[in-house]
Amino acid sequence: MNSKQLFPVGHVMGYAFSLILTAVALSVLMFDLSPKTGVVILLVTAFMQAGVQLVMFMHAGESEDKKSIYTNIWYALFVAIVTILGTLLTMIWGYQ
């Protein structure tokens, strides 16, 4: 076997990218950014981190049934967003 086949370059790059995204998220605290800017940075890094985890470490795009995997991911995201917005609507925004 070739040594290049034995070394998981993609996984190491995904791990490094995850560490970089974590450092960027921590910069919100270290640089005492405004709340709006901090939330935007945290949301962007969180979604990028989730994408890296799905593609690199959970192998979302490597199976034969890619369509059903991505459909399930979109459905789960939809349910999460509806749950979060429903909670905000009833508990914070004062729906009566």
C-alpha atoms as a PDB file:
ATOM      1  CA  MET A   1       0.000   0.000   0.000  1.00  0.00           C
ATOM      2  CA  ASN A   2       1.011   3.533  -0.665  1.00  0.00           C
ATOM      3  CA  SER A   3       1.754   5.706   2.397  1.00  0.00           C
ATOM      4  CA  LYS A   4      -0.432   8.483   0.975  1.00  0.00           C
ATOM      5  CA  GLN A   5      -3.407   6.130   1.102  1.00  0.00           C
ATOM      6  CA  LEU A   6      -2.769   5.401   4.776  1.00  0.00           C
ATOM      7  CA  PHE A   7      -2.616   9.036   5.936  1.00  0.00           C
ATOM      8  CA  PRO A   8      -6.075  10.652   6.249  1.00  0.00           C
ATOM      9  CA  VAL A   9      -5.299  14.091   4.825  1.00  0.00           C
ATOM     10  CA  GLY A  10      -8.975  15.038   4.605  1.00  0.00           C
ATOM     11  CA  HIS A  11      -9.619  14.212   8.234  1.00  0.00           C
ATOM     12  CA  VAL A  12      -6.580  16.150   9.418  1.00  0.00           C
ATOM     13  CA  MET A  13      -7.628  19.155   7.333  1.00  0.00           C
ATOM     14  CA  GLY A  14     -11.168  18.917   8.734  1.00  0.00           C
ATOM     15  CA  TYR A  15      -9.783  18.785  12.264  1.00  0.00           C
ATOM     16  CA  ALA A  16      -7.542  21.797  11.617  1.00  0.00           C
ATOM     17  CA  PHE A  17     -10.454  23.723  10.109  1.00  0.00           C
ATOM     18  CA  SER A  18     -12.576  22.852  13.145  1.00  0.00           C
ATOM     19  CA  LEU A  19      -9.866  24.214  15.438  1.00  0.00           C
ATOM     20  CA  ILE A  20      -9.657  27.419  13.392  1.00  0.00           C
ATOM     21  CA  LEU A  21     -13.435  27.878  13.546  1.00  0.00           C
ATOM     22  CA  THR A  22     -13.339  27.342  17.307  1.00  0.00           C
ATOM     23  CA  ALA A  23     -10.605  29.976  17.649  1.00  0.00           C
ATOM     24  CA  VAL A  24     -12.676  32.428  15.588  1.00  0.00           C
ATOM     25  CA  ALA A  25     -15.685  31.772  17.825  1.00  0.00           C
ATOM     26  CA  LEU A  26     -13.540  32.346  20.922  1.00  0.00           C
ATOM     27  CA  SER A  27     -12.367  35.646  19.467  1.00  0.00           C
ATOM     28  CA  VAL A  28     -15.851  37.008  20.166  1.00  0.00           C
ATOM     29  CA  LEU A  29     -15.094  36.735  23.870  1.00  0.00           C
ATOM     30  CA  MET A  30     -11.438  37.739  23.677  1.00  0.00           C
ATOM     31  CA  PHE A  31     -11.982  40.928  21.646  1.00  0.00           C
ATOM     32  CA  ASP A  32     -15.141  41.995  23.507  1.00  0.00           C
ATOM     33  CA  LEU A  33     -17.140  42.525  20.322  1.00  0.00           C
ATOM     34  CA  SER A  34     -20.570  44.115  20.204  1.00  0.00           C
ATOM     35  CA  PRO A  35     -23.492  41.732  20.781  1.00  0.00           C
ATOM     36  CA  LYS A  36     -24.728  41.939  17.170  1.00  0.00           C
ATOM     37  CA  THR A  37     -21.312  41.264  15.697  1.00  0.00           C
ATOM     38  CA  GLY A  38     -20.679  38.477  18.209  1.00  0.00           C
ATOM     39  CA  VAL A  39     -23.940  36.708  17.414  1.00  0.00           C
ATOM     40  CA  VAL A  40     -23.303  36.912  13.677  1.00  0.00           C
ATOM     41  CA  ILE A  41     -19.775  35.487  14.063  1.00  0.00           C
ATOM     42  CA  LEU A  42     -21.010  32.717  16.358  1.00  0.00           C
ATOM     43  CA  LEU A  43     -23.856  31.738  14.017  1.00  0.00           C
ATOM     44  CA  VAL A  44     -21.630  31.683  10.940  1.00  0.00           C
ATOM     45  CA  THR A  45     -18.923  29.634  12.657  1.00  0.00           C
ATOM     46  CA  ALA A  46     -21.513  27.271  14.157  1.00  0.00           C
ATOM     47  CA  PHE A  47     -23.072  26.476  10.777  1.00  0.00           C
ATOM     48  CA  MET A  48     -19.666  26.100   9.160  1.00  0.00           C
ATOM     49  CA  GLN A  49     -18.587  23.799  12.000  1.00  0.00           C
ATOM     50  CA  ALA A  50     -21.721  21.691  11.538  1.00  0.00           C
ATOM     51  CA  GLY A  51     -21.009  21.428   7.823  1.00  0.00           C
ATOM     52  CA  VAL A  52     -17.420  20.344   8.432  1.00  0.00           C
ATOM     53  CA  GLN A  53     -18.581  17.729  10.930  1.00  0.00           C
ATOM     54  CA  LEU A  54     -21.238  16.343   8.590  1.00  0.00           C
ATOM     55  CA  VAL A  55     -19.040  16.124   5.525  1.00  0.00           C
ATOM     56  CA  MET A  56     -15.641  15.255   6.986  1.00  0.00           C
ATOM     57  CA  PHE A  57     -16.380  13.109  10.014  1.00  0.00           C
ATOM     58  CA  MET A  58     -19.895  11.733   9.502  1.00  0.00           C
ATOM     59  CA  HIS A  59     -19.265  11.034   5.805  1.00  0.00           C
ATOM     60  CA  ALA A  60     -22.625  12.490   4.756  1.00  0.00           C
ATOM     61  CA  GLY A  61     -21.770  12.591   1.071  1.00  0.00           C
ATOM     62  CA  GLU A  62     -20.036   9.239   0.736  1.00  0.00           C
ATOM     63  CA  SER A  63     -22.943   6.822   0.788  1.00  0.00           C
ATOM     64  CA  GLU A  64     -24.946   5.624  -2.182  1.00  0.00           C
ATOM     65  CA  ASP A  65     -28.131   7.132  -0.755  1.00  0.00           C
ATOM     66  CA  LYS A  66     -27.042  10.788  -0.614  1.00  0.00           C
ATOM     67  CA  LYS A  67     -30.492  12.142  -1.389  1.00  0.00           C
ATOM     68  CA  SER A  68     -32.175  10.613   1.657  1.00  0.00           C
ATOM     69  CA  ILE A  69     -29.333  11.664   3.961  1.00  0.00           C
ATOM     70  CA  TYR A  70     -29.521  15.292   2.844  1.00  0.00           C
ATOM     71  CA  THR A  71     -33.328  15.203   2.941  1.00  0.00           C
ATOM     72  CA  ASN A  72     -33.159  14.038   6.560  1.00  0.00           C
ATOM     73  CA  ILE A  73     -30.677  16.801   7.391  1.00  0.00           C
ATOM     74  CA  TRP A  74     -32.920  19.477   5.847  1.00  0.00           C
ATOM     75  CA  TYR A  75     -35.947  18.057   7.656  1.00  0.00           C
ATOM     76  CA  ALA A  76     -34.112  18.064  10.997  1.00  0.00           C
ATOM     77  CA  LEU A  77     -32.990  21.643  10.385  1.00  0.00           C
ATOM     78  CA  PHE A  78     -36.573  22.647   9.580  1.00  0.00           C
ATOM     79  CA  VAL A  79     -37.893  21.017  12.766  1.00  0.00           C
ATOM     80  CA  ALA A  80     -35.171  22.709  14.827  1.00  0.00           C
ATOM     81  CA  ILE A  81     -35.943  26.143  13.376  1.00  0.00           C
ATOM     82  CA  VAL A  82     -39.709  25.726  13.883  1.00  0.00           C
ATOM     83  CA  THR A  83     -39.111  24.590  17.472  1.00  0.00           C
ATOM     84  CA  ILE A  84     -36.815  27.530  18.219  1.00  0.00           C
ATOM     85  CA  LEU A  85     -39.117  30.093  16.615  1.00  0.00           C
ATOM     86  CA  GLY A  86     -42.170  28.599  18.326  1.00  0.00           C
ATOM     87  CA  THR A  87     -40.418  28.773  21.672  1.00  0.00           C
ATOM     88  CA  LEU A  88     -39.416  32.384  21.077  1.00  0.00           C
ATOM     89  CA  LEU A  89     -42.952  33.224  19.970  1.00  0.00           C
ATOM     90  CA  THR A  90     -44.589  31.792  23.078  1.00  0.00           C
ATOM     91  CA  MET A  91     -42.026  32.630  25.747  1.00  0.00           C
ATOM     92  CA  ILE A  92     -40.386  35.889  24.705  1.00  0.00           C
ATOM     93  CA  TRP A  93     -42.450  37.690  22.110  1.00  0.00           C
ATOM     94  CA  GLY A  94     -45.579  37.405  24.234  1.00  0.00           C
ATOM     95  CA  TYR A  95     -47.986  35.473  22.021  1.00  0.00           C
ATOM     96  CA  GLN A  96     -51.350  35.380  23.786  1.00  0.00           C
END
